[in-house]
Amino acid sequence: MSDVIAKSPRLRADDLLPAYRNGVFPMGYSGTRWVTWHRPPERGVLPLDAAHFSRSLTRTLKQHRYRISFNEAFDEVMLACARTPDHCWITDDFRAAYGALQKQGYAHSLEVWVDGELGGGLYGVHVGAAFFAESKFHRIRDMSKVALAELVMHLRAQGFLLLDVQYETEHLAQFGVTSVPLADYTKLLTEAVNTPRQFLL
């Protein structure tokens, strides 16, 4: 069963925050400006207090041979995500709309730098105590995993309540992502978006 609830001829930045507050997210289509709006019957959620990392990833995190930054290279992160083969839904309109949200303080990127090179990262949207992770990428092995792990640790430290990853996949399940029925997700979402939190202090 499709989880598409609406379509629109283009993406507008003003439509994004109301959608996220209501558990809806957009997807684009390469070569067009059309957007579909999605509300899955089950939502991929990574419980912040139950996330787990593999031994090899934990070792990489402890060695910390990288630098983490936030919002230093937002558009570069989005562009790198868009060039990932299965993320062709990130169109130029998406980069413009989320870029506008970033300037307003609602969208954020997390960058992983290795020897001065952007080795991986992710971006997403912050509303209240909820973070909606949109996409991640790596140019250096395991750096997208590092980005997700660092995001989890950052959100824990900031007192966030919800990390939404849209869908549970085999890849994300290794971190503890589970599928939450829509009714239960809506309760989590309502509490999170109505709890004030700062993504960056």
Protein backbone atom coordinates (compact mmCIF):
# COMPACT_ATOMS: atom_id res chain seq x y z
CA MET A 1 0.00 0.00 0.00
CA SER A 2 1.35 3.40 -0.99
CA ASP A 3 2.10 5.86 1.79
CA VAL A 4 1.63 8.87 -0.50
CA ILE A 5 -1.05 11.21 0.86
CA ALA A 6 -0.64 14.18 -1.51
CA LYS A 7 1.22 15.56 -4.53
CA SER A 8 2.32 19.07 -5.37
CA PRO A 9 3.88 20.62 -8.51
CA ARG A 10 6.92 21.95 -6.61
CA LEU A 11 8.48 22.08 -3.16
CA ARG A 12 8.15 25.26 -1.11
CA ALA A 13 10.18 25.85 2.03
CA ASP A 14 7.08 27.18 3.82
CA ASP A 15 5.39 23.78 3.45
CA LEU A 16 8.11 21.80 5.22
CA LEU A 17 7.72 22.61 8.92
CA PRO A 18 3.92 22.12 9.00
CA ALA A 19 4.42 18.78 7.25
CA TYR A 20 7.06 17.55 9.70
CA ARG A 21 4.92 18.61 12.66
CA ASN A 22 2.18 16.36 11.27
CA GLY A 23 4.38 13.36 10.53
CA VAL A 24 4.62 13.97 6.78
CA PHE A 25 7.76 14.27 4.64
CA PRO A 26 8.38 14.99 0.94
CA MET A 27 10.18 13.14 -1.82
CA GLY A 28 11.17 14.56 -5.19
CA TYR A 29 11.68 13.04 -8.63
CA SER A 30 14.80 13.58 -10.70
CA GLY A 31 14.15 15.64 -13.80
CA THR A 32 10.85 17.04 -12.54
CA ARG A 33 9.63 19.53 -9.93
CA TRP A 34 6.82 17.25 -8.68
CA VAL A 35 6.79 16.28 -5.02
CA THR A 36 4.95 13.50 -3.24
CA TRP A 37 4.13 13.76 0.47
CA HIS A 38 4.46 10.61 2.56
CA ARG A 39 3.02 9.34 5.83
CA PRO A 40 4.01 5.66 6.25
CA PRO A 41 1.73 3.37 8.29
CA GLU A 42 4.86 2.43 10.25
CA ARG A 43 7.66 4.86 10.94
CA GLY A 44 11.38 4.19 11.31
CA VAL A 45 12.55 5.49 14.69
CA LEU A 46 15.95 5.19 16.33
CA PRO A 47 15.38 5.22 20.12
CA LEU A 48 18.05 7.52 21.50
CA ASP A 49 18.36 5.54 24.72
CA ALA A 50 18.61 2.20 22.91
CA ALA A 51 20.84 2.92 19.91
CA HIS A 52 23.70 0.46 19.57
CA PHE A 53 26.91 0.52 17.60
CA SER A 54 29.06 -2.35 16.37
CA ARG A 55 32.43 -3.12 17.94
CA SER A 56 34.27 -1.79 14.93
CA LEU A 57 32.25 1.44 14.92
CA THR A 58 32.72 1.84 18.67
CA ARG A 59 36.47 1.44 18.15
CA THR A 60 36.42 4.10 15.41
CA LEU A 61 34.49 6.45 17.68
CA LYS A 62 36.98 5.95 20.52
CA GLN A 63 39.95 6.59 18.24
CA HIS A 64 38.24 9.79 17.03
CA ARG A 65 40.56 10.35 14.09
CA TYR A 66 38.15 12.86 12.61
CA ARG A 67 36.56 16.24 13.32
CA ILE A 68 32.83 16.84 13.71
CA SER A 69 31.17 20.10 12.70
CA PHE A 70 27.63 21.37 12.31
CA ASN A 71 26.33 23.49 9.43
CA GLU A 72 29.80 24.24 8.04
CA ALA A 73 29.03 22.67 4.67
CA PHE A 74 25.25 22.28 4.52
CA ASP A 75 24.83 22.54 0.75
CA GLU A 76 27.86 20.34 0.10
CA VAL A 77 26.36 17.67 2.35
CA MET A 78 23.01 17.87 0.55
CA LEU A 79 24.73 17.70 -2.84
CA ALA A 80 26.79 14.69 -1.76
CA CYS A 81 23.64 12.95 -0.51
CA ALA A 82 21.88 13.74 -3.80
CA ARG A 83 24.70 12.05 -5.71
CA THR A 84 24.25 8.84 -3.75
CA PRO A 85 22.59 6.39 -6.21
CA ASP A 86 19.45 5.70 -4.14
CA HIS A 87 18.92 9.34 -3.11
CA CYS A 88 17.99 10.84 -6.49
CA TRP A 89 14.86 12.30 -4.87
CA ILE A 90 17.01 15.17 -3.54
CA THR A 91 16.43 17.64 -6.39
CA ASP A 92 17.62 21.21 -6.84
CA ASP A 93 14.30 22.38 -5.38
CA PHE A 94 15.02 20.29 -2.28
CA ARG A 95 18.44 21.85 -1.88
CA ALA A 96 16.91 25.31 -2.16
CA ALA A 97 14.03 24.61 0.24
CA TYR A 98 16.12 22.90 2.92
CA GLY A 99 18.81 25.53 2.46
CA ALA A 100 16.19 28.15 3.34
CA LEU A 101 15.27 26.14 6.45
CA GLN A 102 18.94 25.96 7.41
CA LYS A 103 19.17 29.75 7.29
CA GLN A 104 16.09 29.91 9.54
CA GLY A 105 17.73 27.55 12.06
CA TYR A 106 15.53 24.50 11.46
CA ALA A 107 17.65 22.37 9.12
CA HIS A 108 21.11 21.20 10.09
CA SER A 109 24.03 19.27 8.68
CA LEU A 110 26.60 17.24 10.56
CA GLU A 111 29.96 16.91 8.84
CA VAL A 112 32.74 14.38 9.45
CA TRP A 113 36.15 15.68 8.39
CA VAL A 114 39.14 13.38 7.94
CA ASP A 115 42.51 15.05 7.33
CA GLY A 116 40.68 18.16 6.15
CA GLU A 117 38.48 16.25 3.70
CA LEU A 118 34.71 15.91 4.00
CA GLY A 119 34.53 12.17 4.57
CA GLY A 120 30.84 11.86 5.36
CA GLY A 121 27.83 13.55 6.84
CA LEU A 122 24.09 13.87 7.10
CA TYR A 123 21.36 16.47 7.23
CA GLY A 124 17.90 16.77 8.68
CA VAL A 125 15.28 18.99 10.26
CA HIS A 126 14.83 19.96 13.89
CA VAL A 127 11.41 20.81 15.35
CA GLY A 128 11.18 21.04 19.13
CA ALA A 129 12.76 17.92 20.62
CA ALA A 130 12.41 15.95 17.37
CA PHE A 131 15.08 15.51 14.71
CA PHE A 132 14.07 14.20 11.31
CA ALA A 133 17.12 12.65 9.64
CA GLU A 134 16.80 12.99 5.88
CA SER A 135 19.90 11.50 4.30
CA LYS A 136 23.54 10.60 4.88
CA PHE A 137 26.58 9.86 2.73
CA HIS A 138 30.20 8.82 2.93
CA ARG A 139 33.27 9.38 0.81
CA ILE A 140 35.52 7.60 3.28
CA ARG A 141 34.60 4.18 4.60
CA ASP A 142 32.32 4.13 7.67
CA MET A 143 32.07 7.91 7.91
CA SER A 144 28.29 7.90 7.33
CA LYS A 145 28.02 5.49 10.27
CA VAL A 146 30.20 7.81 12.33
CA ALA A 147 27.91 10.71 11.36
CA LEU A 148 24.82 8.86 12.58
CA ALA A 149 26.50 7.77 15.81
CA GLU A 150 27.71 11.31 16.49
CA LEU A 151 24.20 12.61 15.80
CA VAL A 152 22.74 10.18 18.34
CA MET A 153 25.25 11.27 20.99
CA HIS A 154 24.61 14.94 20.22
CA LEU A 155 20.82 14.55 20.46
CA ARG A 156 21.16 12.69 23.75
CA ALA A 157 23.27 15.52 25.15
CA GLN A 158 20.73 18.11 24.01
CA GLY A 159 17.81 16.22 25.58
CA PHE A 160 15.99 15.32 22.37
CA LEU A 161 13.10 12.87 22.51
CA LEU A 162 12.74 11.60 18.94
CA LEU A 163 15.08 10.65 16.10
CA ASP A 164 12.96 9.93 13.03
CA VAL A 165 14.62 8.11 10.11
CA GLN A 166 11.45 7.62 8.02
CA TYR A 167 11.79 3.89 7.24
CA GLU A 168 13.36 0.90 8.92
CA THR A 169 15.91 -0.68 6.58
CA GLU A 170 18.30 -3.58 7.03
CA HIS A 171 21.16 -1.09 7.16
CA LEU A 172 19.52 1.10 9.80
CA ALA A 173 18.31 -1.83 11.86
CA GLN A 174 21.90 -2.52 12.90
CA PHE A 175 21.80 0.73 14.90
CA GLY A 176 18.58 -0.21 16.68
CA VAL A 177 16.04 1.39 14.33
CA THR A 178 12.56 -0.07 14.75
CA SER A 179 9.24 0.39 12.97
CA VAL A 180 6.65 2.17 15.09
CA PRO A 181 2.92 1.97 14.18
CA LEU A 182 1.50 5.30 13.07
CA ALA A 183 -0.73 5.75 16.13
CA ASP A 184 2.19 5.24 18.51
CA TYR A 185 4.47 7.38 16.37
CA THR A 186 1.94 10.21 16.41
CA LYS A 187 2.01 10.24 20.22
CA LEU A 188 5.81 10.34 20.25
CA LEU A 189 5.80 13.06 17.61
CA THR A 190 3.24 15.25 19.38
CA GLU A 191 5.21 15.21 22.62
CA ALA A 192 8.53 15.82 20.87
CA VAL A 193 7.55 18.73 18.61
CA ASN A 194 5.88 20.48 21.56
CA THR A 195 8.96 20.18 23.80
CA PRO A 196 11.35 23.12 23.32
CA ARG A 197 14.95 22.14 22.62
CA GLN A 198 17.96 23.78 20.99
CA PHE A 199 19.88 21.77 18.40
CA LEU A 200 22.94 23.95 18.94
CA LEU A 201 23.66 25.98 22.05
